[in-house]
Amino acid sequence: MFIGAFISYMAFQTKGFSERPAELSQTGEVAVEDFLDDTQGADRDDAKAIQRAIDFCAAHKKEKVTLQASKTYRVQSGFTVKEGVKLEFGQQAVLAVRGNAQVMKVEKDAAVINGTIQITDPSFQSEVIALEGTDRFDAANKTRLENMTIINKSGSHKGIGLSLYAKGPWHNISFVNFTNITVIGFETGIQLKAEDPGGGTYSWVNANRFDNVALEDCVLGIRLIGSISIPNECSGNFFTGLQIQLTENTKRLLEADGSYNRFEGMAWDQQRVQHQQPLIVFTSQTEKNKAEINIDSQYIHDKGTRNEY
């Protein structure tokens, strides 16, 4: 009898997470805590549990995945917030990142809110949060990132805080909303990039909205990479309510390709910048962009056409 009971117990433990969906499917929220494996010790990678929770949420069409308040999750690999899933951080929940993997990919119609992501490893050179044009974010998409703090605490000033990237036939990222985002201590704070897919096809990163964005201690604050128009357009993106803290590590506040992009906000402590190079650059691939930022004109380099500042 004892042997039979022991075998039954071990079978339950071996099934692990496969037993849980029947129990968890009764609620609208999916807690990452229910998917954690506490046996991994100091080298655990909580990204795997986060991904299992997201996969369960997507498969069972639940409301959201939650991270516990006031808890630090150790992450060493990346995960994907799938279409239709909302990932919600509890108050003061933190992802502490080691290694050099892209931390989080956000798919079309996904949402991430209230999070803090901390890079603690000086070897990190990847993207923290990434959107990819393969998902083809159109005008009907409901993708959003809200109340996020992304900080490189390693002191390396490497990596990209927030990346939007399109390369491939008809790949695009458009009409995505980013609200109350803070990015601190990266080589590039926010990067939008569209590459020519070739073959007479187009890719684009257009018409995205960044509202109430704070950038601090980044080597390059905002970078838009593309062309004025097709085949790889990077245009019509609006950055409003910018608050940009310049430091001794700042090389450039803004460098832009594209057309009809708007940048509005404040830059602080220009006297801390340790060089005389331009802080704002409109490249030869720009037209009709507008920057309303309190930077002296001698620190603005304009190679484009009909840009305003």
C-alpha atoms as a PDB file:
ATOM      1  CA  MET A   1       0.000   0.000   0.000  1.00  0.00           C
ATOM      2  CA  PHE A   2       2.813   2.420   0.887  1.00  0.00           C
ATOM      3  CA  ILE A   3       4.576   1.731  -2.437  1.00  0.00           C
ATOM      4  CA  GLY A   4       1.357   2.360  -4.380  1.00  0.00           C
ATOM      5  CA  ALA A   5       0.772   5.667  -2.603  1.00  0.00           C
ATOM      6  CA  PHE A   6       4.379   6.716  -3.226  1.00  0.00           C
ATOM      7  CA  ILE A   7       4.110   5.927  -6.943  1.00  0.00           C
ATOM      8  CA  SER A   8       0.896   7.957  -7.193  1.00  0.00           C
ATOM      9  CA  TYR A   9       2.558  10.892  -5.455  1.00  0.00           C
ATOM     10  CA  MET A  10       5.592  10.782  -7.766  1.00  0.00           C
ATOM     11  CA  ALA A  11       3.366  10.587 -10.837  1.00  0.00           C
ATOM     12  CA  PHE A  12       1.570  13.755  -9.723  1.00  0.00           C
ATOM     13  CA  GLN A  13       4.877  15.554  -9.137  1.00  0.00           C
ATOM     14  CA  THR A  14       6.251  14.446 -12.509  1.00  0.00           C
ATOM     15  CA  LYS A  15       3.236  15.778 -14.359  1.00  0.00           C
ATOM     16  CA  GLY A  16       3.799  19.087 -12.569  1.00  0.00           C
ATOM     17  CA  PHE A  17       2.485  21.916 -14.664  1.00  0.00           C
ATOM     18  CA  SER A  18       0.350  19.683 -16.897  1.00  0.00           C
ATOM     19  CA  GLU A  19      -1.910  19.002 -13.885  1.00  0.00           C
ATOM     20  CA  ARG A  20      -2.390  22.681 -13.174  1.00  0.00           C
ATOM     21  CA  PRO A  21      -4.401  23.949 -16.150  1.00  0.00           C
ATOM     22  CA  ALA A  22      -7.553  22.172 -14.979  1.00  0.00           C
ATOM     23  CA  GLU A  23      -7.241  23.907 -11.621  1.00  0.00           C
ATOM     24  CA  LEU A  24      -6.200  27.344 -12.938  1.00  0.00           C
ATOM     25  CA  SER A  25      -8.722  27.562 -15.762  1.00  0.00           C
ATOM     26  CA  GLN A  26     -11.471  28.587 -13.295  1.00  0.00           C
ATOM     27  CA  THR A  27     -10.017  32.098 -12.833  1.00  0.00           C
ATOM     28  CA  GLY A  28      -9.524  35.037 -15.209  1.00  0.00           C
ATOM     29  CA  GLU A  29      -5.977  35.746 -14.044  1.00  0.00           C
ATOM     30  CA  VAL A  30      -2.909  33.586 -14.392  1.00  0.00           C
ATOM     31  CA  ALA A  31      -0.261  34.014 -11.681  1.00  0.00           C
ATOM     32  CA  VAL A  32       3.360  33.389 -12.587  1.00  0.00           C
ATOM     33  CA  GLU A  33       3.773  32.037  -9.024  1.00  0.00           C
ATOM     34  CA  ASP A  34       1.797  28.954 -10.006  1.00  0.00           C
ATOM     35  CA  PHE A  35       4.401  28.075 -12.643  1.00  0.00           C
ATOM     36  CA  LEU A  36       7.610  28.757 -10.723  1.00  0.00           C
ATOM     37  CA  ASP A  37      10.044  25.945 -10.071  1.00  0.00           C
ATOM     38  CA  ASP A  38      11.661  26.682  -6.717  1.00  0.00           C
ATOM     39  CA  THR A  39      14.089  23.773  -7.048  1.00  0.00           C
ATOM     40  CA  GLN A  40      16.440  25.635  -9.433  1.00  0.00           C
ATOM     41  CA  GLY A  41      18.309  27.446  -6.662  1.00  0.00           C
ATOM     42  CA  ALA A  42      20.490  30.497  -7.177  1.00  0.00           C
ATOM     43  CA  ASP A  43      20.823  29.890 -10.935  1.00  0.00           C
ATOM     44  CA  ARG A  44      17.110  29.730 -11.614  1.00  0.00           C
ATOM     45  CA  ASP A  45      15.674  31.391 -14.715  1.00  0.00           C
ATOM     46  CA  ASP A  46      12.204  32.726 -13.974  1.00  0.00           C
ATOM     47  CA  ALA A  47      11.743  33.605 -17.666  1.00  0.00           C
ATOM     48  CA  LYS A  48      10.732  29.987 -18.210  1.00  0.00           C
ATOM     49  CA  ALA A  49       7.936  30.199 -15.642  1.00  0.00           C
ATOM     50  CA  ILE A  50       6.787  33.531 -17.081  1.00  0.00           C
ATOM     51  CA  GLN A  51       6.631  31.968 -20.543  1.00  0.00           C
ATOM     52  CA  ARG A  52       4.650  28.974 -19.257  1.00  0.00           C
ATOM     53  CA  ALA A  53       2.151  31.330 -17.626  1.00  0.00           C
ATOM     54  CA  ILE A  54       1.838  33.368 -20.829  1.00  0.00           C
ATOM     55  CA  ASP A  55       1.374  30.229 -22.928  1.00  0.00           C
ATOM     56  CA  PHE A  56      -1.349  29.014 -20.575  1.00  0.00           C
ATOM     57  CA  CYS A  57      -3.081  32.407 -20.669  1.00  0.00           C
ATOM     58  CA  ALA A  58      -3.020  32.483 -24.480  1.00  0.00           C
ATOM     59  CA  ALA A  59      -4.245  28.896 -24.836  1.00  0.00           C
ATOM     60  CA  HIS A  60      -7.148  29.373 -22.408  1.00  0.00           C
ATOM     61  CA  LYS A  61      -7.977  32.971 -23.418  1.00  0.00           C
ATOM     62  CA  LYS A  62      -7.558  34.337 -19.903  1.00  0.00           C
ATOM     63  CA  GLU A  63      -7.595  38.044 -18.998  1.00  0.00           C
ATOM     64  CA  LYS A  64      -3.964  38.523 -17.935  1.00  0.00           C
ATOM     65  CA  VAL A  65      -0.758  37.167 -16.445  1.00  0.00           C
ATOM     66  CA  THR A  66       0.338  38.711 -13.149  1.00  0.00           C
ATOM     67  CA  LEU A  67       3.705  39.092 -11.463  1.00  0.00           C
ATOM     68  CA  GLN A  68       3.608  39.259  -7.673  1.00  0.00           C
ATOM     69  CA  ALA A  69       4.021  42.660  -5.995  1.00  0.00           C
ATOM     70  CA  SER A  70       7.318  43.476  -4.245  1.00  0.00           C
ATOM     71  CA  LYS A  71       9.051  40.439  -5.724  1.00  0.00           C
ATOM     72  CA  THR A  72      12.222  40.232  -7.834  1.00  0.00           C
ATOM     73  CA  TYR A  73      12.234  37.655 -10.627  1.00  0.00           C
ATOM     74  CA  ARG A  74      15.618  36.494 -11.887  1.00  0.00           C
ATOM     75  CA  VAL A  75      15.716  36.299 -15.677  1.00  0.00           C
ATOM     76  CA  GLN A  76      18.500  34.802 -17.796  1.00  0.00           C
ATOM     77  CA  SER A  77      16.694  34.140 -21.088  1.00  0.00           C
ATOM     78  CA  GLY A  78      14.006  35.823 -23.124  1.00  0.00           C
ATOM     79  CA  PHE A  79      10.248  35.324 -23.311  1.00  0.00           C
ATOM     80  CA  THR A  80       7.425  36.408 -25.612  1.00  0.00           C
ATOM     81  CA  VAL A  81       4.225  38.178 -24.568  1.00  0.00           C
ATOM     82  CA  LYS A  82       1.848  36.533 -26.998  1.00  0.00           C
ATOM     83  CA  GLU A  83      -0.992  38.026 -28.994  1.00  0.00           C
ATOM     84  CA  GLY A  84      -3.997  38.799 -26.802  1.00  0.00           C
ATOM     85  CA  VAL A  85      -2.101  38.476 -23.510  1.00  0.00           C
ATOM     86  CA  LYS A  86      -1.712  41.268 -20.944  1.00  0.00           C
ATOM     87  CA  LEU A  87       1.327  40.956 -18.686  1.00  0.00           C
ATOM     88  CA  GLU A  88       0.776  43.005 -15.530  1.00  0.00           C
ATOM     89  CA  PHE A  89       3.458  43.656 -12.924  1.00  0.00           C
ATOM     90  CA  GLY A  90       2.396  44.005  -9.309  1.00  0.00           C
ATOM     91  CA  GLN A  91       3.520  47.097  -7.397  1.00  0.00           C
ATOM     92  CA  GLN A  92       7.349  47.076  -7.177  1.00  0.00           C
ATOM     93  CA  ALA A  93       7.672  43.764  -9.025  1.00  0.00           C
ATOM     94  CA  VAL A  94      11.040  43.642 -10.810  1.00  0.00           C
ATOM     95  CA  LEU A  95      12.709  41.574 -13.512  1.00  0.00           C
ATOM     96  CA  ALA A  96      16.450  41.387 -12.711  1.00  0.00           C
ATOM     97  CA  VAL A  97      18.247  40.409 -15.907  1.00  0.00           C
ATOM     98  CA  ARG A  98      21.517  38.504 -16.225  1.00  0.00           C
ATOM     99  CA  GLY A  99      23.173  37.469 -19.493  1.00  0.00           C
ATOM    100  CA  ASN A 100      22.844  38.933 -22.988  1.00  0.00           C
ATOM    101  CA  ALA A 101      19.514  37.625 -24.290  1.00  0.00           C
ATOM    102  CA  GLN A 102      16.728  39.834 -25.626  1.00  0.00           C
ATOM    103  CA  VAL A 103      14.499  40.082 -22.580  1.00  0.00           C
ATOM    104  CA  MET A 104      10.959  40.475 -23.868  1.00  0.00           C
ATOM    105  CA  LYS A 105       9.324  40.311 -27.296  1.00  0.00           C
ATOM    106  CA  VAL A 106       5.839  41.844 -27.446  1.00  0.00           C
ATOM    107  CA  GLU A 107       3.514  40.538 -30.128  1.00  0.00           C
ATOM    108  CA  LYS A 108       0.656  42.353 -31.852  1.00  0.00           C
ATOM    109  CA  ASP A 109      -2.383  42.932 -29.584  1.00  0.00           C
ATOM    110  CA  ALA A 110      -0.379  42.175 -26.425  1.00  0.00           C
ATOM    111  CA  ALA A 111       0.000  44.582 -23.488  1.00  0.00           C
ATOM    112  CA  VAL A 112       2.631  45.073 -20.790  1.00  0.00           C
ATOM    113  CA  ILE A 113       1.932  47.386 -17.865  1.00  0.00           C
ATOM    114  CA  ASN A 114       3.432  48.613 -14.574  1.00  0.00           C
ATOM    115  CA  GLY A 115       6.787  46.870 -14.935  1.00  0.00           C
ATOM    116  CA  THR A 116      10.375  47.501 -13.863  1.00  0.00           C
ATOM    117  CA  ILE A 117      13.144  45.720 -15.758  1.00  0.00           C
ATOM    118  CA  GLN A 118      16.691  46.011 -14.416  1.00  0.00           C
ATOM    119  CA  ILE A 119      19.810  44.990 -16.333  1.00  0.00           C
ATOM    120  CA  THR A 120      22.409  43.854 -13.801  1.00  0.00           C
ATOM    121  CA  ASP A 121      24.966  42.248 -16.117  1.00  0.00           C
ATOM    122  CA  PRO A 122      27.591  44.425 -17.896  1.00  0.00           C
ATOM    123  CA  SER A 123      27.751  41.861 -20.729  1.00  0.00           C
ATOM    124  CA  PHE A 124      24.217  42.796 -21.821  1.00  0.00           C
ATOM    125  CA  GLN A 125      24.147  44.311 -25.349  1.00  0.00           C
ATOM    126  CA  SER A 126      20.718  43.255 -26.624  1.00  0.00           C
ATOM    127  CA  GLU A 127      17.228  44.750 -26.655  1.00  0.00           C
ATOM    128  CA  VAL A 128      15.215  44.790 -23.450  1.00  0.00           C
ATOM    129  CA  ILE A 129      11.743  45.131 -25.015  1.00  0.00           C
ATOM    130  CA  ALA A 130      11.354  44.405 -28.730  1.00  0.00           C
ATOM    131  CA  LEU A 131       8.534  44.627 -31.263  1.00  0.00           C
ATOM    132  CA  GLU A 132       9.094  43.017 -34.663  1.00  0.00           C
ATOM    133  CA  GLY A 133       7.467  43.919 -37.960  1.00  0.00           C
ATOM    134  CA  THR A 134       6.840  40.276 -38.795  1.00  0.00           C
ATOM    135  CA  ASP A 135       3.684  40.640 -36.675  1.00  0.00           C
ATOM    136  CA  ARG A 136       2.382  43.409 -38.987  1.00  0.00           C
ATOM    137  CA  PHE A 137       0.937  45.873 -36.510  1.00  0.00           C
ATOM    138  CA  ASP A 138      -1.910  47.558 -38.412  1.00  0.00           C
ATOM    139  CA  ALA A 139      -4.320  50.369 -37.466  1.00  0.00           C
ATOM    140  CA  ALA A 140      -6.662  47.960 -35.684  1.00  0.00           C
ATOM    141  CA  ASN A 141      -4.002  46.606 -33.329  1.00  0.00           C
ATOM    142  CA  LYS A 142      -4.457  47.044 -29.566  1.00  0.00           C
ATOM    143  CA  THR A 143      -0.818  46.713 -28.572  1.00  0.00           C
ATOM    144  CA  ARG A 144       0.314  48.926 -25.711  1.00  0.00           C
ATOM    145  CA  LEU A 145       3.085  49.419 -23.183  1.00  0.00           C
ATOM    146  CA  GLU A 146       2.261  51.499 -20.116  1.00  0.00           C
ATOM    147  CA  ASN A 147       4.051  52.580 -16.924  1.00  0.00           C
ATOM    148  CA  MET A 148       7.318  50.792 -17.646  1.00  0.00           C
ATOM    149  CA  THR A 149      10.767  51.522 -16.215  1.00  0.00           C
ATOM    150  CA  ILE A 150      13.730  50.030 -18.078  1.00  0.00           C
ATOM    151  CA  ILE A 151      17.086  50.605 -16.408  1.00  0.00           C
ATOM    152  CA  ASN A 152      20.641  49.399 -17.000  1.00  0.00           C
ATOM    153  CA  LYS A 153      22.105  49.303 -13.501  1.00  0.00           C
ATOM    154  CA  SER A 154      25.339  47.597 -14.574  1.00  0.00           C
ATOM    155  CA  GLY A 155      27.059  50.868 -15.528  1.00  0.00           C
ATOM    156  CA  SER A 156      28.035  49.515 -18.966  1.00  0.00           C
ATOM    157  CA  HIS A 157      25.795  51.859 -21.016  1.00  0.00           C
ATOM    158  CA  LYS A 158      25.177  49.075 -23.524  1.00  0.00           C
ATOM    159  CA  GLY A 159      22.058  47.657 -25.144  1.00  0.00           C
ATOM    160  CA  ILE A 160      18.781  49.136 -26.384  1.00  0.00           C
ATOM    161  CA  GLY A 161      15.942  49.863 -23.974  1.00  0.00           C
ATOM    162  CA  LEU A 162      13.049  49.742 -26.459  1.00  0.00           C
ATOM    163  CA  SER A 163      13.362  48.486 -30.052  1.00  0.00           C
ATOM    164  CA  LEU A 164      10.903  48.548 -32.976  1.00  0.00           C
ATOM    165  CA  TYR A 165      12.324  46.733 -35.999  1.00  0.00           C
ATOM    166  CA  ALA A 166      10.904  45.889 -39.431  1.00  0.00           C
ATOM    167  CA  LYS A 167      12.712  44.075 -42.232  1.00  0.00           C
ATOM    168  CA  GLY A 168      10.927  41.829 -44.692  1.00  0.00           C
ATOM    169  CA  PRO A 169       8.206  42.051 -47.353  1.00  0.00           C
ATOM    170  CA  TRP A 170       5.392  44.207 -45.959  1.00  0.00           C
ATOM    171  CA  HIS A 171       6.654  43.913 -42.396  1.00  0.00           C
ATOM    172  CA  ASN A 172       5.492  46.887 -40.361  1.00  0.00           C
ATOM    173  CA  ILE A 173       4.945  48.362 -36.905  1.00  0.00           C
ATOM    174  CA  SER A 174       2.308  51.097 -36.799  1.00  0.00           C
ATOM    175  CA  PHE A 175      -0.261  52.655 -34.456  1.00  0.00           C
ATOM    176  CA  VAL A 176       1.250  51.269 -31.245  1.00  0.00           C
ATOM    177  CA  ASN A 177       0.857  53.281 -28.030  1.00  0.00           C
ATOM    178  CA  PHE A 178       3.680  53.706 -25.510  1.00  0.00           C
ATOM    179  CA  THR A 179       2.702  55.674 -22.384  1.00  0.00           C
ATOM    180  CA  ASN A 180       4.708  56.644 -19.288  1.00  0.00           C
ATOM    181  CA  ILE A 181       7.939  54.916 -20.290  1.00  0.00           C
ATOM    182  CA  THR A 182      11.264  55.572 -18.517  1.00  0.00           C
ATOM    183  CA  VAL A 183      14.580  54.373 -19.996  1.00  0.00           C
ATOM    184  CA  ILE A 184      17.853  54.840 -18.083  1.00  0.00           C
ATOM    185  CA  GLY A 185      21.501  54.034 -18.741  1.00  0.00           C
ATOM    186  CA  PHE A 186      21.551  52.401 -22.207  1.00  0.00           C
ATOM    187  CA  GLU A 187      23.636  52.893 -25.328  1.00  0.00           C
ATOM    188  CA  THR A 188      20.364  53.663 -27.142  1.00  0.00           C
ATOM    189  CA  GLY A 189      17.202  54.481 -25.229  1.00  0.00           C
ATOM    190  CA  ILE A 190      14.595  54.015 -27.972  1.00  0.00           C
ATOM    191  CA  GLN A 191      15.307  52.786 -31.513  1.00  0.00           C
ATOM    192  CA  LEU A 192      12.944  52.576 -34.491  1.00  0.00           C
ATOM    193  CA  LYS A 193      14.422  50.840 -37.530  1.00  0.00           C
ATOM    194  CA  ALA A 194      13.084  49.860 -40.956  1.00  0.00           C
ATOM    195  CA  GLU A 195      15.318  48.094 -43.473  1.00  0.00           C
ATOM    196  CA  ASP A 196      14.825  47.689 -47.219  1.00  0.00           C
ATOM    197  CA  PRO A 197      13.426  44.165 -47.759  1.00  0.00           C
ATOM    198  CA  GLY A 198      14.306  44.202 -51.471  1.00  0.00           C
ATOM    199  CA  GLY A 199      12.391  42.592 -54.303  1.00  0.00           C
ATOM    200  CA  GLY A 200      10.237  45.662 -54.858  1.00  0.00           C
ATOM    201  CA  THR A 201       8.538  45.243 -51.465  1.00  0.00           C
ATOM    202  CA  TYR A 202       8.364  47.600 -48.474  1.00  0.00           C
ATOM    203  CA  SER A 203       8.811  47.644 -44.712  1.00  0.00           C
ATOM    204  CA  TRP A 204       7.942  50.511 -42.367  1.00  0.00           C
ATOM    205  CA  VAL A 205       7.813  51.771 -38.765  1.00  0.00           C
ATOM    206  CA  ASN A 206       5.235  54.557 -38.926  1.00  0.00           C
ATOM    207  CA  ALA A 207       2.543  56.333 -36.907  1.00  0.00           C
ATOM    208  CA  ASN A 208       3.526  55.154 -33.425  1.00  0.00           C
ATOM    209  CA  ARG A 209       2.815  57.294 -30.358  1.00  0.00           C
ATOM    210  CA  PHE A 210       5.200  57.776 -27.434  1.00  0.00           C
ATOM    211  CA  ASP A 211       3.589  59.882 -24.699  1.00  0.00           C
ATOM    212  CA  ASN A 212       5.273  60.950 -21.444  1.00  0.00           C
ATOM    213  CA  VAL A 213       8.653  59.345 -22.083  1.00  0.00           C
ATOM    214  CA  ALA A 214      11.640  59.961 -19.782  1.00  0.00           C
ATOM    215  CA  LEU A 215      15.192  59.248 -20.944  1.00  0.00           C
ATOM    216  CA  GLU A 216      18.170  59.529 -18.604  1.00  0.00           C
ATOM    217  CA  ASP A 217      21.906  58.882 -18.946  1.00  0.00           C
ATOM    218  CA  CYS A 218      21.683  57.236 -22.381  1.00  0.00           C
ATOM    219  CA  VAL A 219      24.545  57.567 -24.853  1.00  0.00           C
ATOM    220  CA  LEU A 220      21.976  58.091 -27.630  1.00  0.00           C
ATOM    221  CA  GLY A 221      18.454  58.929 -26.534  1.00  0.00           C
ATOM    222  CA  ILE A 222      16.245  58.347 -29.594  1.00  0.00           C
ATOM    223  CA  ARG A 223      17.335  56.862 -32.934  1.00  0.00           C
ATOM    224  CA  LEU A 224      15.151  56.516 -36.055  1.00  0.00           C
ATOM    225  CA  ILE A 225      16.731  54.505 -38.869  1.00  0.00           C
ATOM    226  CA  GLY A 226      15.153  54.274 -42.304  1.00  0.00           C
ATOM    227  CA  SER A 227      14.375  56.489 -45.272  1.00  0.00           C
ATOM    228  CA  ILE A 228      12.148  59.455 -46.043  1.00  0.00           C
ATOM    229  CA  SER A 229       9.656  57.224 -47.814  1.00  0.00           C
ATOM    230  CA  ILE A 230       9.422  53.710 -49.279  1.00  0.00           C
ATOM    231  CA  PRO A 231      10.889  51.101 -49.429  1.00  0.00           C
ATOM    232  CA  ASN A 232      11.929  51.370 -45.750  1.00  0.00           C
ATOM    233  CA  GLU A 233      10.018  54.266 -44.256  1.00  0.00           C
ATOM    234  CA  CYS A 234      10.289  55.541 -40.692  1.00  0.00           C
ATOM    235  CA  SER A 235       7.764  58.383 -40.517  1.00  0.00           C
ATOM    236  CA  GLY A 236       4.888  59.979 -38.653  1.00  0.00           C
ATOM    237  CA  ASN A 237       6.022  58.851 -35.206  1.00  0.00           C
ATOM    238  CA  PHE A 238       5.069  61.240 -32.383  1.00  0.00           C
ATOM    239  CA  PHE A 239       7.111  61.692 -29.205  1.00  0.00           C
ATOM    240  CA  THR A 240       5.278  64.018 -26.802  1.00  0.00           C
ATOM    241  CA  GLY A 241       5.945  64.965 -23.196  1.00  0.00           C
ATOM    242  CA  LEU A 242       9.629  64.042 -23.460  1.00  0.00           C
ATOM    243  CA  GLN A 243      11.782  64.593 -20.372  1.00  0.00           C
ATOM    244  CA  ILE A 244      15.444  63.981 -21.228  1.00  0.00           C
ATOM    245  CA  GLN A 245      18.174  64.064 -18.599  1.00  0.00           C
ATOM    246  CA  LEU A 246      21.552  64.685 -20.225  1.00  0.00           C
ATOM    247  CA  THR A 247      24.721  63.482 -18.460  1.00  0.00           C
ATOM    248  CA  GLU A 248      28.454  63.184 -19.009  1.00  0.00           C
ATOM    249  CA  ASN A 249      27.752  59.957 -20.921  1.00  0.00           C
ATOM    250  CA  THR A 250      25.427  61.591 -23.462  1.00  0.00           C
ATOM    251  CA  LYS A 251      26.741  61.697 -27.033  1.00  0.00           C
ATOM    252  CA  ARG A 252      23.489  62.531 -28.801  1.00  0.00           C
ATOM    253  CA  LEU A 253      19.948  63.268 -27.708  1.00  0.00           C
ATOM    254  CA  LEU A 254      18.265  62.526 -31.052  1.00  0.00           C
ATOM    255  CA  GLU A 255      19.313  61.202 -34.455  1.00  0.00           C
ATOM    256  CA  ALA A 256      16.555  60.801 -37.028  1.00  0.00           C
ATOM    257  CA  ASP A 257      15.835  59.534 -40.513  1.00  0.00           C
ATOM    258  CA  GLY A 258      12.336  59.707 -41.987  1.00  0.00           C
ATOM    259  CA  SER A 259       9.633  62.324 -42.460  1.00  0.00           C
ATOM    260  CA  TYR A 260       6.854  63.996 -40.477  1.00  0.00           C
ATOM    261  CA  ASN A 261       8.167  62.739 -37.146  1.00  0.00           C
ATOM    262  CA  ARG A 262       7.511  64.963 -34.112  1.00  0.00           C
ATOM    263  CA  PHE A 263       9.619  65.390 -30.980  1.00  0.00           C
ATOM    264  CA  GLU A 264       8.353  67.641 -28.160  1.00  0.00           C
ATOM    265  CA  GLY A 265       9.730  68.053 -24.677  1.00  0.00           C
ATOM    266  CA  MET A 266      12.516  69.217 -22.353  1.00  0.00           C
ATOM    267  CA  ALA A 267      16.215  68.455 -22.150  1.00  0.00           C
ATOM    268  CA  TRP A 268      17.927  69.035 -18.819  1.00  0.00           C
ATOM    269  CA  ASP A 269      21.468  70.039 -17.829  1.00  0.00           C
ATOM    270  CA  GLN A 270      23.083  70.546 -21.212  1.00  0.00           C
ATOM    271  CA  GLN A 271      26.146  71.859 -19.361  1.00  0.00           C
ATOM    272  CA  ARG A 272      26.940  68.314 -18.234  1.00  0.00           C
ATOM    273  CA  VAL A 273      27.623  67.164 -21.816  1.00  0.00           C
ATOM    274  CA  GLN A 274      31.381  66.748 -22.273  1.00  0.00           C
ATOM    275  CA  HIS A 275      31.701  67.533 -26.011  1.00  0.00           C
ATOM    276  CA  GLN A 276      30.784  70.147 -28.618  1.00  0.00           C
ATOM    277  CA  GLN A 277      29.217  67.769 -31.160  1.00  0.00           C
ATOM    278  CA  PRO A 278      25.571  68.066 -32.300  1.00  0.00           C
ATOM    279  CA  LEU A 279      23.000  66.789 -29.823  1.00  0.00           C
ATOM    280  CA  ILE A 280      20.217  66.635 -32.430  1.00  0.00           C
ATOM    281  CA  VAL A 281      20.904  65.359 -35.962  1.00  0.00           C
ATOM    282  CA  PHE A 282      18.473  65.281 -38.869  1.00  0.00           C
ATOM    283  CA  THR A 283      20.197  63.184 -41.537  1.00  0.00           C
ATOM    284  CA  SER A 284      20.040  63.592 -45.306  1.00  0.00           C
ATOM    285  CA  GLN A 285      17.182  61.079 -45.205  1.00  0.00           C
ATOM    286  CA  THR A 286      14.824  63.513 -43.438  1.00  0.00           C
ATOM    287  CA  GLU A 287      12.032  65.801 -44.526  1.00  0.00           C
ATOM    288  CA  LYS A 288       9.447  67.851 -42.626  1.00  0.00           C
ATOM    289  CA  ASN A 289      10.336  66.621 -39.156  1.00  0.00           C
ATOM    290  CA  LYS A 290       9.780  68.895 -36.172  1.00  0.00           C
ATOM    291  CA  ALA A 291      11.662  69.110 -32.873  1.00  0.00           C
ATOM    292  CA  GLU A 292      10.421  71.374 -30.083  1.00  0.00           C
ATOM    293  CA  ILE A 293      13.220  70.750 -27.572  1.00  0.00           C
ATOM    294  CA  ASN A 294      15.190  73.396 -25.683  1.00  0.00           C
ATOM    295  CA  ILE A 295      18.562  72.753 -27.362  1.00  0.00           C
ATOM    296  CA  ASP A 296      20.642  75.673 -28.695  1.00  0.00           C
ATOM    297  CA  SER A 297      20.656  75.833 -32.499  1.00  0.00           C
ATOM    298  CA  GLN A 298      24.454  75.368 -32.701  1.00  0.00           C
ATOM    299  CA  TYR A 299      23.922  71.876 -31.287  1.00  0.00           C
ATOM    300  CA  ILE A 300      21.455  70.921 -34.048  1.00  0.00           C
ATOM    301  CA  HIS A 301      22.816  69.505 -37.326  1.00  0.00           C
ATOM    302  CA  ASP A 302      20.267  69.475 -40.152  1.00  0.00           C
ATOM    303  CA  LYS A 303      21.163  67.745 -43.442  1.00  0.00           C
ATOM    304  CA  GLY A 304      17.531  67.235 -44.443  1.00  0.00           C
ATOM    305  CA  THR A 305      14.775  69.212 -46.112  1.00  0.00           C
ATOM    306  CA  ARG A 306      12.254  71.527 -44.461  1.00  0.00           C
ATOM    307  CA  ASN A 307      12.779  70.266 -40.935  1.00  0.00           C
ATOM    308  CA  GLU A 308      11.694  72.580 -38.108  1.00  0.00           C
ATOM    309  CA  TYR A 309      13.302  73.244 -34.718  1.00  0.00           C
END
